[in-house]
Every structure is written in C-alpha cells, then in structure tokens.
Amino acid sequence: MNKILDKLRNPKVFGAMRHFLSTAGGALATKGVVASSEWELWTGIGLAGLSVVMSWTAKEKAK
C-alpha cells in the first residue's frame, strides 16, 4: 500500500489521475450512465479522501 501511495505523491501522477477521472466522467455522462454533477461530486470526494490518507501516511509526519 505504501508503494502505491508513494507513486501517487508524484504531482504528475495525481494530476493524470484527476484528468482521467474527468474524462471518464464526461464519457459516462454522455452515455447517460451518470449525471455530470453526480460524477463531479464523487470524484471530488474520492480525491479529497485520497489526499487525506496520503497526508496521514506522509513520511515527513512519521517522525
């Protein structure tokens, strides 16, 4: 799990994940699978939750 979080701490990876989720949400909204506002809400909650977990597990705070 820590190896995954270490890779996600890279701003480029986190940004790419955010763009992927935005694109996937747009595709799903276009097909009518989810509402656009619904996808934005869940993407925001997921990324915020991931940020909190990454902050709690940061090596700088482990001292």
PDB file of N, CA and C in Angstrom:
ATOM      1  N   MET A   1       0.831  -1.196   0.000  1.00  0.00           N
ATOM      2  CA  MET A   1       0.000   0.000   0.000  1.00  0.00           C
ATOM      3  C   MET A   1       0.869   1.251   0.000  1.00  0.00           C
ATOM      4  N   ASN A   2       1.979   1.245   0.762  1.00  0.00           N
ATOM      5  CA  ASN A   2       2.845   2.413   0.813  1.00  0.00           C
ATOM      6  C   ASN A   2       3.508   2.687  -0.527  1.00  0.00           C
ATOM      7  N   LYS A   3       3.818   1.637  -1.295  1.00  0.00           N
ATOM      8  CA  LYS A   3       4.421   1.835  -2.608  1.00  0.00           C
ATOM      9  C   LYS A   3       3.451   2.562  -3.534  1.00  0.00           C
ATOM     10  N   ILE A   4       2.188   2.199  -3.438  1.00  0.00           N
ATOM     11  CA  ILE A   4       1.168   2.847  -4.263  1.00  0.00           C
ATOM     12  C   ILE A   4       1.037   4.312  -3.867  1.00  0.00           C
ATOM     13  N   LEU A   5       0.983   4.585  -2.559  1.00  0.00           N
ATOM     14  CA  LEU A   5       0.860   5.964  -2.095  1.00  0.00           C
ATOM     15  C   LEU A   5       2.083   6.783  -2.464  1.00  0.00           C
ATOM     16  N   ASP A   6       3.257   6.168  -2.439  1.00  0.00           N
ATOM     17  CA  ASP A   6       4.470   6.880  -2.838  1.00  0.00           C
ATOM     18  C   ASP A   6       4.397   7.314  -4.300  1.00  0.00           C
ATOM     19  N   LYS A   7       3.877   6.446  -5.154  1.00  0.00           N
ATOM     20  CA  LYS A   7       3.731   6.803  -6.565  1.00  0.00           C
ATOM     21  C   LYS A   7       2.684   7.892  -6.745  1.00  0.00           C
ATOM     22  N   LEU A   8       1.608   7.850  -5.962  1.00  0.00           N
ATOM     23  CA  LEU A   8       0.553   8.856  -6.073  1.00  0.00           C
ATOM     24  C   LEU A   8       0.990  10.217  -5.555  1.00  0.00           C
ATOM     25  N   ARG A   9       2.011  10.260  -4.727  1.00  0.00           N
ATOM     26  CA  ARG A   9       2.501  11.541  -4.208  1.00  0.00           C
ATOM     27  C   ARG A   9       3.158  12.383  -5.294  1.00  0.00           C
ATOM     28  N   ASN A  10       3.522  11.751  -6.395  1.00  0.00           N
ATOM     29  CA  ASN A  10       4.083  12.478  -7.525  1.00  0.00           C
ATOM     30  C   ASN A  10       2.974  13.360  -8.114  1.00  0.00           C
ATOM     31  N   PRO A  11       3.180  14.681  -8.163  1.00  0.00           N
ATOM     32  CA  PRO A  11       2.128  15.574  -8.676  1.00  0.00           C
ATOM     33  C   PRO A  11       1.692  15.245 -10.094  1.00  0.00           C
ATOM     34  N   LYS A  12       2.596  14.730 -10.911  1.00  0.00           N
ATOM     35  CA  LYS A  12       2.221  14.378 -12.287  1.00  0.00           C
ATOM     36  C   LYS A  12       1.256  13.210 -12.308  1.00  0.00           C
ATOM     37  N   VAL A  13       1.485  12.222 -11.460  1.00  0.00           N
ATOM     38  CA  VAL A  13       0.605  11.052 -11.403  1.00  0.00           C
ATOM     39  C   VAL A  13      -0.764  11.453 -10.864  1.00  0.00           C
ATOM     40  N   PHE A  14      -0.759  12.259  -9.806  1.00  0.00           N
ATOM     41  CA  PHE A  14      -2.027  12.698  -9.213  1.00  0.00           C
ATOM     42  C   PHE A  14      -2.818  13.537 -10.218  1.00  0.00           C
ATOM     43  N   GLY A  15      -2.132  14.397 -10.967  1.00  0.00           N
ATOM     44  CA  GLY A  15      -2.791  15.205 -11.989  1.00  0.00           C
ATOM     45  C   GLY A  15      -3.346  14.356 -13.111  1.00  0.00           C
ATOM     46  N   ALA A  16      -2.571  13.350 -13.528  1.00  0.00           N
ATOM     47  CA  ALA A  16      -3.037  12.455 -14.587  1.00  0.00           C
ATOM     48  C   ALA A  16      -4.272  11.680 -14.141  1.00  0.00           C
ATOM     49  N   MET A  17      -4.281  11.270 -12.870  1.00  0.00           N
ATOM     50  CA  MET A  17      -5.442  10.557 -12.346  1.00  0.00           C
ATOM     51  C   MET A  17      -6.675  11.467 -12.335  1.00  0.00           C
ATOM     52  N   ARG A  18      -6.478  12.726 -11.953  1.00  0.00           N
ATOM     53  CA  ARG A  18      -7.581  13.681 -11.933  1.00  0.00           C
ATOM     54  C   ARG A  18      -8.142  13.885 -13.336  1.00  0.00           C
ATOM     55  N   HIS A  19      -7.241  14.010 -14.340  1.00  0.00           N
ATOM     56  CA  HIS A  19      -7.683  14.187 -15.723  1.00  0.00           C
ATOM     57  C   HIS A  19      -8.383  12.936 -16.248  1.00  0.00           C
ATOM     58  N   PHE A  20      -7.874  11.770 -15.883  1.00  0.00           N
ATOM     59  CA  PHE A  20      -8.524  10.521 -16.296  1.00  0.00           C
ATOM     60  C   PHE A  20      -9.945  10.441 -15.740  1.00  0.00           C
ATOM     61  N   LEU A  21     -10.103  10.766 -14.452  1.00  0.00           N
ATOM     62  CA  LEU A  21     -11.435  10.713 -13.845  1.00  0.00           C
ATOM     63  C   LEU A  21     -12.379  11.727 -14.486  1.00  0.00           C
ATOM     64  N   SER A  22     -11.861  12.888 -14.830  1.00  0.00           N
ATOM     65  CA  SER A  22     -12.688  13.896 -15.511  1.00  0.00           C
ATOM     66  C   SER A  22     -13.145  13.400 -16.875  1.00  0.00           C
ATOM     67  N   THR A  23     -12.231  12.786 -17.606  1.00  0.00           N
ATOM     68  CA  THR A  23     -12.562  12.256 -18.932  1.00  0.00           C
ATOM     69  C   THR A  23     -13.553  11.098 -18.826  1.00  0.00           C
ATOM     70  N   ALA A  24     -13.319  10.201 -17.876  1.00  0.00           N
ATOM     71  CA  ALA A  24     -14.222   9.061 -17.694  1.00  0.00           C
ATOM     72  C   ALA A  24     -15.615   9.555 -17.295  1.00  0.00           C
ATOM     73  N   GLY A  25     -15.659  10.557 -16.433  1.00  0.00           N
ATOM     74  CA  GLY A  25     -16.953  11.117 -16.022  1.00  0.00           C
ATOM     75  C   GLY A  25     -17.692  11.734 -17.189  1.00  0.00           C
ATOM     76  N   GLY A  26     -16.964  12.444 -18.047  1.00  0.00           N
ATOM     77  CA  GLY A  26     -17.593  13.033 -19.228  1.00  0.00           C
ATOM     78  C   GLY A  26     -18.143  11.977 -20.166  1.00  0.00           C
ATOM     79  N   ALA A  27     -17.400  10.910 -20.351  1.00  0.00           N
ATOM     80  CA  ALA A  27     -17.862   9.820 -21.216  1.00  0.00           C
ATOM     81  C   ALA A  27     -19.097   9.140 -20.629  1.00  0.00           C
ATOM     82  N   LEU A  28     -19.075   8.897 -19.322  1.00  0.00           N
ATOM     83  CA  LEU A  28     -20.234   8.255 -18.683  1.00  0.00           C
ATOM     84  C   LEU A  28     -21.457   9.168 -18.696  1.00  0.00           C
ATOM     85  N   ALA A  29     -21.241  10.465 -18.528  1.00  0.00           N
ATOM     86  CA  ALA A  29     -22.363  11.410 -18.569  1.00  0.00           C
ATOM     87  C   ALA A  29     -22.942  11.507 -19.972  1.00  0.00           C
ATOM     88  N   THR A  30     -22.076  11.452 -20.982  1.00  0.00           N
ATOM     89  CA  THR A  30     -22.538  11.499 -22.370  1.00  0.00           C
ATOM     90  C   THR A  30     -23.397  10.291 -22.704  1.00  0.00           C
ATOM     91  N   LYS A  31     -23.021   9.130 -22.187  1.00  0.00           N
ATOM     92  CA  LYS A  31     -23.787   7.905 -22.436  1.00  0.00           C
ATOM     93  C   LYS A  31     -25.039   7.825 -21.563  1.00  0.00           C
ATOM     94  N   GLY A  32     -25.174   8.730 -20.602  1.00  0.00           N
ATOM     95  CA  GLY A  32     -26.350   8.728 -19.737  1.00  0.00           C
ATOM     96  C   GLY A  32     -26.243   7.787 -18.555  1.00  0.00           C
ATOM     97  N   VAL A  33     -25.054   7.279 -18.269  1.00  0.00           N
ATOM     98  CA  VAL A  33     -24.869   6.357 -17.153  1.00  0.00           C
ATOM     99  C   VAL A  33     -24.941   7.093 -15.824  1.00  0.00           C
ATOM    100  N   VAL A  34     -24.323   8.264 -15.748  1.00  0.00           N
ATOM    101  CA  VAL A  34     -24.364   9.098 -14.543  1.00  0.00           C
ATOM    102  C   VAL A  34     -24.633  10.541 -14.947  1.00  0.00           C
ATOM    103  N   ALA A  35     -25.133  11.313 -13.992  1.00  0.00           N
ATOM    104  CA  ALA A  35     -25.299  12.744 -14.221  1.00  0.00           C
ATOM    105  C   ALA A  35     -23.945  13.415 -14.038  1.00  0.00           C
ATOM    106  N   SER A  36     -23.699  14.459 -14.795  1.00  0.00           N
ATOM    107  CA  SER A  36     -22.413  15.148 -14.739  1.00  0.00           C
ATOM    108  C   SER A  36     -22.120  15.669 -13.331  1.00  0.00           C
ATOM    109  N   SER A  37     -23.108  16.270 -12.700  1.00  0.00           N
ATOM    110  CA  SER A  37     -22.897  16.823 -11.354  1.00  0.00           C
ATOM    111  C   SER A  37     -22.646  15.708 -10.337  1.00  0.00           C
ATOM    112  N   GLU A  38     -23.272  14.566 -10.546  1.00  0.00           N
ATOM    113  CA  GLU A  38     -23.076  13.422  -9.661  1.00  0.00           C
ATOM    114  C   GLU A  38     -21.627  12.931  -9.739  1.00  0.00           C
ATOM    115  N   TRP A  39     -21.090  12.824 -10.937  1.00  0.00           N
ATOM    116  CA  TRP A  39     -19.726  12.350 -11.123  1.00  0.00           C
ATOM    117  C   TRP A  39     -18.726  13.328 -10.526  1.00  0.00           C
ATOM    118  N   GLU A  40     -18.961  14.625 -10.710  1.00  0.00           N
ATOM    119  CA  GLU A  40     -18.072  15.633 -10.133  1.00  0.00           C
ATOM    120  C   GLU A  40     -18.028  15.507  -8.615  1.00  0.00           C
ATOM    121  N   LEU A  41     -19.172  15.275  -8.012  1.00  0.00           N
ATOM    122  CA  LEU A  41     -19.251  15.130  -6.559  1.00  0.00           C
ATOM    123  C   LEU A  41     -18.426  13.936  -6.090  1.00  0.00           C
ATOM    124  N   TRP A  42     -18.632  12.775  -6.701  1.00  0.00           N
ATOM    125  CA  TRP A  42     -17.930  11.565  -6.257  1.00  0.00           C
ATOM    126  C   TRP A  42     -16.443  11.605  -6.572  1.00  0.00           C
ATOM    127  N   THR A  43     -16.076  12.212  -7.679  1.00  0.00           N
ATOM    128  CA  THR A  43     -14.656  12.368  -7.998  1.00  0.00           C
ATOM    129  C   THR A  43     -13.987  13.276  -6.969  1.00  0.00           C
ATOM    130  N   GLY A  44     -14.649  14.380  -6.634  1.00  0.00           N
ATOM    131  CA  GLY A  44     -14.108  15.300  -5.634  1.00  0.00           C
ATOM    132  C   GLY A  44     -13.952  14.654  -4.273  1.00  0.00           C
ATOM    133  N   ILE A  45     -14.962  13.905  -3.866  1.00  0.00           N
ATOM    134  CA  ILE A  45     -14.899  13.209  -2.580  1.00  0.00           C
ATOM    135  C   ILE A  45     -13.773  12.174  -2.580  1.00  0.00           C
ATOM    136  N   GLY A  46     -13.650  11.430  -3.656  1.00  0.00           N
ATOM    137  CA  GLY A  46     -12.601  10.409  -3.745  1.00  0.00           C
ATOM    138  C   GLY A  46     -11.197  11.000  -3.704  1.00  0.00           C
ATOM    139  N   LEU A  47     -10.974  12.059  -4.477  1.00  0.00           N
ATOM    140  CA  LEU A  47      -9.649  12.681  -4.485  1.00  0.00           C
ATOM    141  C   LEU A  47      -9.342  13.364  -3.158  1.00  0.00           C
ATOM    142  N   ALA A  48     -10.347  13.961  -2.537  1.00  0.00           N
ATOM    143  CA  ALA A  48     -10.124  14.577  -1.228  1.00  0.00           C
ATOM    144  C   ALA A  48      -9.789  13.509  -0.190  1.00  0.00           C
ATOM    145  N   GLY A  49     -10.509  12.403  -0.215  1.00  0.00           N
ATOM    146  CA  GLY A  49     -10.233  11.304   0.717  1.00  0.00           C
ATOM    147  C   GLY A  49      -8.845  10.730   0.503  1.00  0.00           C
ATOM    148  N   LEU A  50      -8.451  10.578  -0.743  1.00  0.00           N
ATOM    149  CA  LEU A  50      -7.118  10.071  -1.049  1.00  0.00           C
ATOM    150  C   LEU A  50      -6.048  11.050  -0.559  1.00  0.00           C
ATOM    151  N   SER A  51      -6.298  12.325  -0.703  1.00  0.00           N
ATOM    152  CA  SER A  51      -5.354  13.338  -0.220  1.00  0.00           C
ATOM    153  C   SER A  51      -5.187  13.272   1.288  1.00  0.00           C
ATOM    154  N   VAL A  52      -6.279  13.048   2.003  1.00  0.00           N
ATOM    155  CA  VAL A  52      -6.210  12.937   3.463  1.00  0.00           C
ATOM    156  C   VAL A  52      -5.382  11.714   3.864  1.00  0.00           C
ATOM    157  N   VAL A  53      -5.621  10.584   3.222  1.00  0.00           N
ATOM    158  CA  VAL A  53      -4.869   9.364   3.524  1.00  0.00           C
ATOM    159  C   VAL A  53      -3.390   9.569   3.211  1.00  0.00           C
ATOM    160  N   MET A  54      -3.099  10.201   2.098  1.00  0.00           N
ATOM    161  CA  MET A  54      -1.705  10.446   1.735  1.00  0.00           C
ATOM    162  C   MET A  54      -1.036  11.384   2.736  1.00  0.00           C
ATOM    163  N   SER A  55      -1.768  12.344   3.234  1.00  0.00           N
ATOM    164  CA  SER A  55      -1.216  13.258   4.228  1.00  0.00           C
ATOM    165  C   SER A  55      -0.929  12.535   5.538  1.00  0.00           C
ATOM    166  N   TRP A  56      -1.844  11.692   5.960  1.00  0.00           N
ATOM    167  CA  TRP A  56      -1.659  10.962   7.219  1.00  0.00           C
ATOM    168  C   TRP A  56      -0.479   9.999   7.150  1.00  0.00           C
ATOM    169  N   THR A  57      -0.221   9.441   5.984  1.00  0.00           N
ATOM    170  CA  THR A  57       0.836   8.449   5.846  1.00  0.00           C
ATOM    171  C   THR A  57       2.153   9.050   5.349  1.00  0.00           C
ATOM    172  N   ALA A  58       2.232  10.373   5.243  1.00  0.00           N
ATOM    173  CA  ALA A  58       3.431  11.029   4.733  1.00  0.00           C
ATOM    174  C   ALA A  58       4.628  10.734   5.621  1.00  0.00           C
ATOM    175  N   LYS A  59       5.755  10.495   4.997  1.00  0.00           N
ATOM    176  CA  LYS A  59       6.983  10.184   5.743  1.00  0.00           C
ATOM    177  C   LYS A  59       7.421  11.353   6.606  1.00  0.00           C
ATOM    178  N   GLU A  60       7.142  12.574   6.175  1.00  0.00           N
ATOM    179  CA  GLU A  60       7.539  13.741   6.934  1.00  0.00           C
ATOM    180  C   GLU A  60       6.830  13.791   8.288  1.00  0.00           C
ATOM    181  N   LYS A  61       5.641  13.274   8.362  1.00  0.00           N
ATOM    182  CA  LYS A  61       4.871  13.292   9.605  1.00  0.00           C
ATOM    183  C   LYS A  61       5.157  12.076  10.488  1.00  0.00           C
ATOM    184  N   ALA A  62       5.886  11.116   9.974  1.00  0.00           N
ATOM    185  CA  ALA A  62       6.148   9.880  10.726  1.00  0.00           C
ATOM    186  C   ALA A  62       7.195  10.066  11.810  1.00  0.00           C
ATOM    187  N   LYS A  63       7.825  11.192  11.862  1.00  0.00           N
ATOM    188  CA  LYS A  63       8.890  11.425  12.851  1.00  0.00           C
ATOM    189  C   LYS A  63       8.360  11.529  14.246  1.00  0.00           C
TER     190      LYS A  63
END
